């Protein structure tokens, strides 16, 4: 199974997951965002022999061009999204059956946390708990079937603490999900 990891923000989640799995993605894809919007983790370039960059708002052809770096069949490619701030086109979802997204908002309990900035939404709402989920990617935003989730207490945390705790929760979820379903014994 080939592993392709997408990110739009820092890529720090991919770095930590790779450390804990002792396995790196075969390809890492990011979009070309203005530098003032993010700072890429310095180790991201060391992780993968291939880093592909798409336009800021990639279309179907952009996805296909980057994914063709991978040899093998689409059904032998695992795609994971880690802070990928773009909607994957339906044609790509249909072609690649193993696409999963991590979402730092407990949408199993709080559907209002779907979409952008769920951490800030949870904090603004004064929720007692939140969490992270991994879901299969479908055409709707954060609508796919949930494959794993973890709820954590967030009451009385600062916003920075909330971001940090959800980040750690997401990494734990990914490591367990990937070991259990994709990389066991490797």
N, C-alpha and C. Protein backbone atom coordinates (compact mmCIF):
# COMPACT_ATOMS: atom_id res chain seq x y z
N UNK A 1 0.84 -1.18 0.00
CA UNK A 1 0.00 0.00 0.00
C UNK A 1 0.89 1.24 0.00
N UNK A 2 0.63 2.12 -0.93
CA UNK A 2 1.33 3.41 -0.99
C UNK A 2 0.57 4.42 -0.14
N UNK A 3 1.32 5.33 0.48
CA UNK A 3 0.70 6.33 1.36
C UNK A 3 1.03 7.73 0.85
N UNK A 4 -0.03 8.51 0.61
CA UNK A 4 0.10 9.90 0.20
C UNK A 4 -0.55 10.76 1.29
N UNK A 5 0.18 11.73 1.82
CA UNK A 5 -0.33 12.61 2.87
C UNK A 5 -0.42 14.03 2.33
N UNK A 6 -1.57 14.65 2.51
CA UNK A 6 -1.81 16.02 2.07
C UNK A 6 -1.86 16.95 3.28
N UNK A 7 -1.31 18.17 3.12
CA UNK A 7 -1.46 19.20 4.16
C UNK A 7 -1.46 20.58 3.52
N UNK A 8 -2.13 21.53 4.18
CA UNK A 8 -2.16 22.93 3.73
C UNK A 8 -1.50 23.85 4.73
N UNK A 9 -1.33 23.39 5.96
CA UNK A 9 -0.83 24.29 6.99
C UNK A 9 0.64 24.02 7.26
N UNK A 10 1.01 23.41 8.37
CA UNK A 10 2.44 23.26 8.69
C UNK A 10 3.02 21.89 8.34
N UNK A 11 2.18 20.87 8.32
CA UNK A 11 2.68 19.52 8.12
C UNK A 11 3.21 18.88 9.40
N UNK A 12 3.10 19.57 10.53
CA UNK A 12 3.66 19.04 11.78
C UNK A 12 2.98 17.73 12.19
N UNK A 13 1.70 17.58 11.88
CA UNK A 13 1.01 16.33 12.21
C UNK A 13 1.63 15.16 11.45
N UNK A 14 1.95 15.36 10.19
CA UNK A 14 2.58 14.30 9.38
C UNK A 14 3.95 13.95 9.95
N UNK A 15 4.70 14.96 10.37
CA UNK A 15 6.03 14.72 10.94
C UNK A 15 5.91 13.82 12.18
N UNK A 16 5.01 14.17 13.09
CA UNK A 16 4.88 13.40 14.33
C UNK A 16 4.33 11.99 14.08
N UNK A 17 3.36 11.87 13.21
CA UNK A 17 2.81 10.54 12.88
C UNK A 17 3.91 9.67 12.28
N UNK A 18 4.70 10.22 11.39
CA UNK A 18 5.78 9.46 10.76
C UNK A 18 6.80 8.98 11.79
N UNK A 19 7.14 9.86 12.74
CA UNK A 19 8.06 9.46 13.81
C UNK A 19 7.51 8.27 14.59
N UNK A 20 6.26 8.38 14.97
CA UNK A 20 5.66 7.35 15.82
C UNK A 20 5.41 6.04 15.07
N UNK A 21 5.18 6.12 13.78
CA UNK A 21 4.97 4.91 12.99
C UNK A 21 6.29 4.31 12.51
N UNK A 22 7.34 5.13 12.55
CA UNK A 22 8.60 4.76 11.93
C UNK A 22 8.39 4.44 10.45
N UNK A 23 7.55 5.25 9.84
CA UNK A 23 7.23 5.11 8.41
C UNK A 23 6.84 6.48 7.89
N UNK A 24 7.34 6.79 6.71
CA UNK A 24 7.02 8.08 6.12
C UNK A 24 6.11 7.90 4.91
N UNK A 25 5.35 8.93 4.58
CA UNK A 25 4.54 8.84 3.37
C UNK A 25 5.43 8.66 2.14
N UNK A 26 4.90 7.98 1.14
CA UNK A 26 5.62 7.82 -0.12
C UNK A 26 5.59 9.12 -0.92
N UNK A 27 4.59 9.93 -0.66
CA UNK A 27 4.46 11.23 -1.31
C UNK A 27 3.75 12.16 -0.34
N UNK A 28 4.23 13.39 -0.25
CA UNK A 28 3.57 14.43 0.53
C UNK A 28 3.16 15.51 -0.46
N UNK A 29 1.92 15.97 -0.32
CA UNK A 29 1.39 16.99 -1.21
C UNK A 29 0.94 18.18 -0.38
N UNK A 30 1.30 19.36 -0.83
CA UNK A 30 0.82 20.59 -0.20
C UNK A 30 0.40 21.55 -1.30
N UNK A 31 -0.37 22.55 -0.92
CA UNK A 31 -0.76 23.55 -1.90
C UNK A 31 0.08 24.81 -1.68
N UNK A 32 0.23 25.56 -2.74
CA UNK A 32 1.06 26.75 -2.74
C UNK A 32 0.29 27.91 -2.13
N UNK A 33 0.45 28.08 -0.82
CA UNK A 33 -0.25 29.15 -0.10
C UNK A 33 0.73 30.28 0.19
N UNK A 34 0.20 31.49 0.34
CA UNK A 34 1.09 32.61 0.69
C UNK A 34 1.83 32.34 2.00
N UNK A 35 3.10 32.73 2.04
CA UNK A 35 3.94 32.45 3.20
C UNK A 35 3.38 33.03 4.49
N UNK A 36 2.68 34.15 4.42
CA UNK A 36 2.15 34.75 5.64
C UNK A 36 1.04 33.91 6.27
N UNK A 37 0.51 32.94 5.54
CA UNK A 37 -0.56 32.09 6.07
C UNK A 37 -0.05 30.86 6.80
N UNK A 38 1.20 30.54 6.65
CA UNK A 38 1.71 29.34 7.31
C UNK A 38 3.23 29.31 7.33
N UNK A 39 3.72 28.43 8.19
CA UNK A 39 5.14 28.13 8.24
C UNK A 39 5.26 26.62 8.20
N UNK A 40 5.86 26.09 7.15
CA UNK A 40 5.98 24.63 7.00
C UNK A 40 7.00 24.11 8.00
N UNK A 41 6.66 23.00 8.65
CA UNK A 41 7.55 22.35 9.61
C UNK A 41 8.88 22.04 8.91
N UNK A 42 10.02 22.37 9.53
CA UNK A 42 11.31 22.19 8.85
C UNK A 42 11.64 20.73 8.52
N UNK A 43 11.05 19.78 9.22
CA UNK A 43 11.36 18.37 8.94
C UNK A 43 10.52 17.77 7.83
N UNK A 44 9.52 18.49 7.34
CA UNK A 44 8.63 17.92 6.33
C UNK A 44 9.40 17.56 5.06
N UNK A 45 10.39 18.36 4.70
CA UNK A 45 11.16 18.09 3.49
C UNK A 45 12.08 16.89 3.63
N UNK A 46 12.40 16.52 4.87
CA UNK A 46 13.26 15.37 5.12
C UNK A 46 12.49 14.05 5.11
N UNK A 47 11.17 14.12 5.23
CA UNK A 47 10.37 12.92 5.40
C UNK A 47 10.22 12.08 4.14
N UNK A 48 9.92 12.73 3.06
CA UNK A 48 9.51 12.00 1.87
C UNK A 48 10.48 12.28 0.73
N UNK A 49 10.74 11.26 -0.07
CA UNK A 49 11.58 11.50 -1.23
C UNK A 49 10.87 12.40 -2.25
N UNK A 50 9.56 12.56 -2.08
CA UNK A 50 8.81 13.37 -3.04
C UNK A 50 7.87 14.33 -2.30
N UNK A 51 8.02 15.61 -2.59
CA UNK A 51 7.09 16.62 -2.11
C UNK A 51 6.51 17.27 -3.35
N UNK A 52 5.21 17.17 -3.50
CA UNK A 52 4.54 17.76 -4.66
C UNK A 52 3.75 18.97 -4.20
N UNK A 53 3.79 20.01 -5.00
CA UNK A 53 3.09 21.24 -4.68
C UNK A 53 2.03 21.50 -5.74
N UNK A 54 0.81 21.74 -5.27
CA UNK A 54 -0.29 22.07 -6.18
C UNK A 54 -0.50 23.58 -6.16
N UNK A 55 -1.28 24.08 -7.10
CA UNK A 55 -1.72 25.48 -6.95
C UNK A 55 -2.51 25.61 -5.65
N UNK A 56 -2.72 26.83 -5.19
CA UNK A 56 -3.44 27.05 -3.94
C UNK A 56 -4.82 26.40 -3.97
N UNK A 57 -5.50 26.48 -5.08
CA UNK A 57 -6.83 25.87 -5.22
C UNK A 57 -6.78 24.85 -6.35
N UNK A 58 -6.31 23.64 -6.06
CA UNK A 58 -6.11 22.64 -7.11
C UNK A 58 -7.43 22.15 -7.70
N UNK A 59 -7.36 21.80 -8.99
CA UNK A 59 -8.51 21.19 -9.66
C UNK A 59 -8.22 19.70 -9.88
N UNK A 60 -9.11 19.01 -10.55
CA UNK A 60 -8.98 17.57 -10.75
C UNK A 60 -7.64 17.23 -11.43
N UNK A 61 -7.29 17.99 -12.44
CA UNK A 61 -6.04 17.73 -13.16
C UNK A 61 -4.84 17.90 -12.24
N UNK A 62 -4.87 18.91 -11.39
CA UNK A 62 -3.76 19.11 -10.44
C UNK A 62 -3.60 17.91 -9.52
N UNK A 63 -4.73 17.39 -9.01
CA UNK A 63 -4.67 16.19 -8.15
C UNK A 63 -4.10 15.02 -8.94
N UNK A 64 -4.62 14.79 -10.12
CA UNK A 64 -4.18 13.64 -10.92
C UNK A 64 -2.70 13.73 -11.25
N UNK A 65 -2.22 14.91 -11.60
CA UNK A 65 -0.80 15.07 -11.93
C UNK A 65 0.07 14.72 -10.73
N UNK A 66 -0.31 15.12 -9.53
CA UNK A 66 0.50 14.83 -8.35
C UNK A 66 0.40 13.35 -7.96
N UNK A 67 -0.81 12.81 -8.03
CA UNK A 67 -1.00 11.41 -7.64
C UNK A 67 -0.36 10.45 -8.64
N UNK A 68 -0.13 10.87 -9.84
CA UNK A 68 0.52 10.00 -10.83
C UNK A 68 2.00 9.79 -10.52
N UNK A 69 2.54 10.57 -9.56
CA UNK A 69 3.90 10.30 -9.07
C UNK A 69 3.96 8.89 -8.48
N UNK A 70 2.79 8.42 -8.05
CA UNK A 70 2.72 7.11 -7.41
C UNK A 70 2.50 6.05 -8.48
N UNK A 71 3.30 5.01 -8.44
CA UNK A 71 3.02 3.90 -9.33
C UNK A 71 2.02 2.99 -8.63
N UNK A 72 1.32 2.19 -9.38
CA UNK A 72 0.35 1.30 -8.78
C UNK A 72 -1.07 1.77 -9.00
N UNK A 73 -1.98 0.96 -8.60
CA UNK A 73 -3.40 1.21 -8.79
C UNK A 73 -3.95 2.14 -7.71
N UNK A 74 -4.96 2.95 -8.06
CA UNK A 74 -5.58 3.81 -7.05
C UNK A 74 -6.10 3.05 -5.84
N UNK A 75 -6.57 1.81 -6.03
CA UNK A 75 -7.07 1.06 -4.87
C UNK A 75 -5.93 0.54 -3.98
N UNK A 76 -4.69 0.76 -4.40
CA UNK A 76 -3.53 0.42 -3.58
C UNK A 76 -2.85 1.66 -3.03
N UNK A 77 -3.59 2.78 -3.01
CA UNK A 77 -3.07 4.05 -2.51
C UNK A 77 -3.93 4.54 -1.37
N UNK A 78 -3.30 4.76 -0.23
CA UNK A 78 -3.95 5.35 0.94
C UNK A 78 -3.65 6.84 0.92
N UNK A 79 -4.70 7.66 0.96
CA UNK A 79 -4.55 9.11 1.00
C UNK A 79 -5.08 9.60 2.33
N UNK A 80 -4.23 10.36 3.05
CA UNK A 80 -4.65 10.94 4.33
C UNK A 80 -4.54 12.45 4.24
N UNK A 81 -5.52 13.13 4.85
CA UNK A 81 -5.58 14.59 4.83
C UNK A 81 -5.34 15.12 6.23
N UNK A 82 -4.34 15.98 6.36
CA UNK A 82 -3.90 16.52 7.66
C UNK A 82 -3.91 18.04 7.59
N UNK A 83 -5.04 18.64 7.88
CA UNK A 83 -5.13 20.08 7.73
C UNK A 83 -5.12 20.49 6.26
N UNK A 84 -5.67 19.64 5.41
CA UNK A 84 -5.80 19.96 3.97
C UNK A 84 -7.05 20.82 3.84
N UNK A 85 -6.86 22.08 3.54
CA UNK A 85 -7.94 23.05 3.57
C UNK A 85 -8.64 23.20 2.22
N UNK A 86 -8.71 22.14 1.49
CA UNK A 86 -9.36 22.13 0.18
C UNK A 86 -10.34 20.97 0.10
N UNK A 87 -11.37 21.14 -0.70
CA UNK A 87 -12.33 20.05 -0.93
C UNK A 87 -11.79 19.18 -2.06
N UNK A 88 -11.67 17.89 -1.78
CA UNK A 88 -11.19 16.96 -2.79
C UNK A 88 -12.31 16.76 -3.82
N UNK A 89 -12.00 16.94 -5.11
CA UNK A 89 -13.03 16.78 -6.14
C UNK A 89 -13.65 15.37 -6.13
N UNK A 90 -14.93 15.32 -6.44
CA UNK A 90 -15.65 14.06 -6.43
C UNK A 90 -15.02 13.02 -7.35
N UNK A 91 -14.47 13.45 -8.48
CA UNK A 91 -13.82 12.52 -9.42
C UNK A 91 -12.64 11.81 -8.77
N UNK A 92 -11.90 12.52 -7.94
CA UNK A 92 -10.75 11.93 -7.24
C UNK A 92 -11.25 10.96 -6.17
N UNK A 93 -12.29 11.36 -5.45
CA UNK A 93 -12.86 10.49 -4.41
C UNK A 93 -13.35 9.18 -5.02
N UNK A 94 -13.97 9.25 -6.19
CA UNK A 94 -14.47 8.04 -6.86
C UNK A 94 -13.32 7.17 -7.36
N UNK A 95 -12.24 7.80 -7.80
CA UNK A 95 -11.11 7.06 -8.36
C UNK A 95 -10.25 6.41 -7.27
N UNK A 96 -10.09 7.12 -6.14
CA UNK A 96 -9.24 6.65 -5.05
C UNK A 96 -10.13 6.30 -3.86
N UNK A 97 -10.37 5.01 -3.62
CA UNK A 97 -11.34 4.62 -2.59
C UNK A 97 -10.86 4.72 -1.15
N UNK A 98 -9.57 4.98 -0.93
CA UNK A 98 -9.04 4.99 0.44
C UNK A 98 -8.54 6.39 0.79
N UNK A 99 -9.47 7.33 0.97
CA UNK A 99 -9.12 8.71 1.36
C UNK A 99 -9.76 8.99 2.71
N UNK A 100 -8.94 9.43 3.67
CA UNK A 100 -9.40 9.70 5.03
C UNK A 100 -8.95 11.09 5.46
N UNK A 101 -9.79 11.75 6.23
CA UNK A 101 -9.52 13.09 6.74
C UNK A 101 -9.52 13.08 8.26
N UNK A 102 -8.57 13.79 8.84
CA UNK A 102 -8.58 14.03 10.28
C UNK A 102 -9.24 15.38 10.53
N UNK A 103 -10.12 15.41 11.52
CA UNK A 103 -10.84 16.65 11.82
C UNK A 103 -10.79 16.90 13.33
N UNK A 104 -10.24 18.06 13.74
CA UNK A 104 -10.09 18.35 15.17
C UNK A 104 -11.35 18.97 15.80
N UNK A 105 -12.46 18.32 15.57
CA UNK A 105 -13.72 18.71 16.17
C UNK A 105 -14.59 17.47 16.32
N UNK A 106 -15.21 17.30 17.46
CA UNK A 106 -15.98 16.09 17.74
C UNK A 106 -17.35 16.17 17.06
N UNK A 107 -17.35 15.97 15.75
CA UNK A 107 -18.58 16.10 14.97
C UNK A 107 -19.57 14.96 15.21
N UNK A 108 -19.12 13.91 15.88
CA UNK A 108 -20.05 12.84 16.27
C UNK A 108 -21.05 13.34 17.30
N UNK A 109 -20.64 14.25 18.15
CA UNK A 109 -21.49 14.81 19.20
C UNK A 109 -21.95 16.23 18.86
N UNK A 110 -21.08 16.99 18.21
CA UNK A 110 -21.36 18.39 17.91
C UNK A 110 -21.25 18.64 16.41
N UNK A 111 -22.31 18.38 15.65
CA UNK A 111 -22.23 18.58 14.19
C UNK A 111 -21.90 20.01 13.79
N UNK A 112 -22.15 20.96 14.68
CA UNK A 112 -21.84 22.36 14.38
C UNK A 112 -20.33 22.61 14.27
N UNK A 113 -19.51 21.61 14.63
CA UNK A 113 -18.05 21.76 14.53
C UNK A 113 -17.53 21.33 13.16
N UNK A 114 -18.41 20.99 12.23
CA UNK A 114 -17.98 20.66 10.87
C UNK A 114 -17.44 21.92 10.21
N UNK A 115 -16.53 21.72 9.28
CA UNK A 115 -15.99 22.85 8.53
C UNK A 115 -14.72 23.40 9.15
N UNK A 116 -14.43 24.64 8.78
CA UNK A 116 -13.18 25.29 9.15
C UNK A 116 -13.18 25.73 10.63
N UNK A 117 -12.01 25.68 11.23
CA UNK A 117 -11.74 26.17 12.59
C UNK A 117 -12.63 25.55 13.68
N UNK A 118 -12.74 24.22 13.73
CA UNK A 118 -13.59 23.61 14.76
C UNK A 118 -13.08 23.82 16.18
N UNK A 119 -11.77 23.98 16.33
CA UNK A 119 -11.22 24.22 17.67
C UNK A 119 -11.76 25.53 18.22
N UNK A 120 -11.69 26.56 17.42
CA UNK A 120 -12.16 27.89 17.83
C UNK A 120 -13.67 27.87 18.06
N UNK A 121 -14.42 27.15 17.22
CA UNK A 121 -15.87 27.04 17.41
C UNK A 121 -16.18 26.39 18.76
N UNK A 122 -15.47 25.30 19.08
CA UNK A 122 -15.70 24.60 20.35
C UNK A 122 -15.40 25.52 21.53
N UNK A 123 -14.33 26.28 21.43
CA UNK A 123 -13.94 27.20 22.50
C UNK A 123 -14.97 28.31 22.65
N UNK A 124 -15.37 28.90 21.51
CA UNK A 124 -16.36 29.98 21.53
C UNK A 124 -17.71 29.52 22.09
N UNK A 125 -18.06 28.27 21.82
CA UNK A 125 -19.33 27.72 22.32
C UNK A 125 -19.26 27.34 23.80
N UNK A 126 -18.06 27.33 24.38
CA UNK A 126 -17.91 26.98 25.79
C UNK A 126 -18.23 25.52 26.07
N UNK A 127 -17.92 24.64 25.11
CA UNK A 127 -18.23 23.22 25.28
C UNK A 127 -17.40 22.61 26.41
N UNK A 128 -17.96 21.62 27.07
CA UNK A 128 -17.23 20.88 28.11
C UNK A 128 -16.24 19.89 27.50
N UNK A 129 -16.60 19.36 26.33
CA UNK A 129 -15.76 18.38 25.66
C UNK A 129 -15.69 18.72 24.17
N UNK A 130 -14.70 18.18 23.54
CA UNK A 130 -14.60 18.16 22.09
C UNK A 130 -13.78 16.92 21.78
N UNK A 131 -13.06 16.93 20.70
CA UNK A 131 -12.25 15.78 20.36
C UNK A 131 -11.86 15.83 18.90
N UNK A 132 -11.41 14.71 18.43
CA UNK A 132 -10.98 14.58 17.04
C UNK A 132 -11.62 13.36 16.44
N UNK A 133 -11.78 13.41 15.12
CA UNK A 133 -12.33 12.27 14.39
C UNK A 133 -11.47 12.01 13.16
N UNK A 134 -11.55 10.79 12.69
CA UNK A 134 -11.05 10.44 11.36
C UNK A 134 -12.27 9.93 10.61
N UNK A 135 -12.48 10.47 9.42
CA UNK A 135 -13.62 10.03 8.63
C UNK A 135 -13.21 9.77 7.19
N UNK A 136 -13.96 8.90 6.56
CA UNK A 136 -13.77 8.63 5.14
C UNK A 136 -14.20 9.88 4.39
N UNK A 137 -13.47 10.23 3.36
CA UNK A 137 -13.79 11.44 2.60
C UNK A 137 -14.88 11.13 1.59
N UNK A 138 -15.90 11.98 1.60
CA UNK A 138 -16.98 11.94 0.62
C UNK A 138 -17.12 13.34 0.04
N UNK A 139 -18.07 13.51 -0.86
CA UNK A 139 -18.23 14.80 -1.54
C UNK A 139 -18.62 15.93 -0.58
N UNK A 140 -19.32 15.64 0.51
CA UNK A 140 -19.72 16.68 1.45
C UNK A 140 -18.61 17.01 2.43
N UNK A 141 -18.58 18.24 2.92
CA UNK A 141 -17.56 18.67 3.87
C UNK A 141 -17.78 17.99 5.22
N UNK A 142 -16.81 17.19 5.65
CA UNK A 142 -16.85 16.48 6.93
C UNK A 142 -18.13 15.63 7.07
N UNK A 143 -18.58 15.06 5.96
CA UNK A 143 -19.83 14.28 5.94
C UNK A 143 -19.59 12.77 5.90
N UNK A 144 -18.38 12.32 5.61
CA UNK A 144 -18.12 10.90 5.43
C UNK A 144 -18.26 10.10 6.71
N UNK A 145 -18.41 8.78 6.56
CA UNK A 145 -18.53 7.91 7.73
C UNK A 145 -17.31 8.03 8.66
N UNK A 146 -17.60 8.15 9.95
CA UNK A 146 -16.55 8.24 10.97
C UNK A 146 -15.94 6.85 11.16
N UNK A 147 -14.62 6.76 11.09
CA UNK A 147 -13.95 5.48 11.30
C UNK A 147 -13.28 5.40 12.68
N UNK A 148 -13.04 6.55 13.31
CA UNK A 148 -12.49 6.56 14.66
C UNK A 148 -12.68 7.96 15.24
N UNK A 149 -12.78 8.03 16.56
CA UNK A 149 -12.89 9.33 17.23
C UNK A 149 -12.46 9.19 18.67
N UNK A 150 -12.13 10.34 19.26
CA UNK A 150 -11.80 10.38 20.68
C UNK A 150 -12.30 11.69 21.25
N UNK A 151 -13.00 11.60 22.37
CA UNK A 151 -13.53 12.77 23.06
C UNK A 151 -12.59 13.11 24.21
N UNK A 152 -12.36 14.42 24.41
CA UNK A 152 -11.51 14.88 25.51
C UNK A 152 -12.18 16.06 26.21
N UNK A 153 -11.87 16.25 27.51
CA UNK A 153 -12.40 17.43 28.22
C UNK A 153 -11.67 18.69 27.75
N UNK A 154 -12.43 19.76 27.58
CA UNK A 154 -11.79 21.02 27.15
C UNK A 154 -12.19 22.21 28.02
N UNK A 155 -13.09 22.00 28.95
CA UNK A 155 -13.56 23.09 29.81
C UNK A 155 -12.39 23.73 30.54
N UNK A 156 -12.37 25.05 30.60
CA UNK A 156 -11.36 25.84 31.31
C UNK A 156 -9.97 25.80 30.69
N UNK A 157 -9.85 25.35 29.45
CA UNK A 157 -8.56 25.42 28.77
C UNK A 157 -8.45 26.76 28.05
N UNK A 158 -7.22 27.25 27.94
CA UNK A 158 -7.01 28.41 27.08
C UNK A 158 -7.15 27.94 25.63
N UNK A 159 -7.30 28.86 24.72
CA UNK A 159 -7.42 28.47 23.31
C UNK A 159 -6.15 27.76 22.84
N UNK A 160 -4.98 28.23 23.27
CA UNK A 160 -3.73 27.55 22.91
C UNK A 160 -3.68 26.13 23.46
N UNK A 161 -4.11 25.94 24.70
CA UNK A 161 -4.15 24.60 25.29
C UNK A 161 -5.12 23.71 24.52
N UNK A 162 -6.25 24.25 24.14
CA UNK A 162 -7.24 23.49 23.37
C UNK A 162 -6.64 23.03 22.05
N UNK A 163 -5.99 23.94 21.31
CA UNK A 163 -5.35 23.56 20.06
C UNK A 163 -4.32 22.46 20.29
N UNK A 164 -3.49 22.62 21.32
CA UNK A 164 -2.44 21.65 21.61
C UNK A 164 -3.03 20.28 21.97
N UNK A 165 -4.04 20.25 22.82
CA UNK A 165 -4.64 18.98 23.24
C UNK A 165 -5.32 18.27 22.07
N UNK A 166 -6.01 19.03 21.22
CA UNK A 166 -6.66 18.41 20.06
C UNK A 166 -5.63 17.93 19.04
N UNK A 167 -4.54 18.66 18.92
CA UNK A 167 -3.46 18.23 18.02
C UNK A 167 -2.90 16.88 18.47
N UNK A 168 -2.61 16.77 19.77
CA UNK A 168 -2.09 15.51 20.31
C UNK A 168 -3.12 14.38 20.16
N UNK A 169 -4.38 14.69 20.38
CA UNK A 169 -5.45 13.69 20.22
C UNK A 169 -5.52 13.21 18.79
N UNK A 170 -5.42 14.13 17.85
CA UNK A 170 -5.46 13.76 16.43
C UNK A 170 -4.30 12.85 16.06
N UNK A 171 -3.12 13.18 16.54
CA UNK A 171 -1.95 12.34 16.24
C UNK A 171 -2.15 10.94 16.80
N UNK A 172 -2.61 10.83 18.05
CA UNK A 172 -2.87 9.51 18.64
C UNK A 172 -3.88 8.73 17.80
N UNK A 173 -4.95 9.39 17.38
CA UNK A 173 -5.96 8.72 16.56
C UNK A 173 -5.36 8.21 15.26
N UNK A 174 -4.61 9.07 14.57
CA UNK A 174 -3.99 8.66 13.30
C UNK A 174 -3.05 7.47 13.49
N UNK A 175 -2.19 7.55 14.49
CA UNK A 175 -1.22 6.46 14.69
C UNK A 175 -1.96 5.15 14.93
N UNK A 176 -2.96 5.16 15.80
CA UNK A 176 -3.71 3.94 16.08
C UNK A 176 -4.47 3.45 14.85
N UNK A 177 -5.11 4.36 14.14
CA UNK A 177 -5.86 4.00 12.92
C UNK A 177 -4.94 3.41 11.86
N UNK A 178 -3.82 4.05 11.62
CA UNK A 178 -2.90 3.58 10.58
C UNK A 178 -2.27 2.24 10.96
N UNK A 179 -1.89 2.07 12.21
CA UNK A 179 -1.33 0.78 12.65
C UNK A 179 -2.37 -0.33 12.53
N UNK A 180 -3.56 -0.05 12.99
CA UNK A 180 -4.61 -1.06 13.03
C UNK A 180 -5.09 -1.47 11.63
N UNK A 181 -5.16 -0.51 10.71
CA UNK A 181 -5.80 -0.77 9.42
C UNK A 181 -4.87 -0.85 8.22
N UNK A 182 -3.67 -0.25 8.31
CA UNK A 182 -2.87 -0.14 7.11
C UNK A 182 -1.43 -0.60 7.25
N UNK A 183 -0.80 -0.33 8.37
CA UNK A 183 0.62 -0.58 8.47
C UNK A 183 0.99 -1.57 9.56
N UNK A 184 0.10 -2.46 9.92
CA UNK A 184 0.41 -3.42 10.97
C UNK A 184 1.51 -4.37 10.51
N UNK A 185 2.44 -4.62 11.41
CA UNK A 185 3.52 -5.55 11.12
C UNK A 185 4.57 -5.01 10.18
N UNK A 186 4.54 -3.71 9.89
CA UNK A 186 5.53 -3.16 8.96
C UNK A 186 6.46 -2.24 9.69
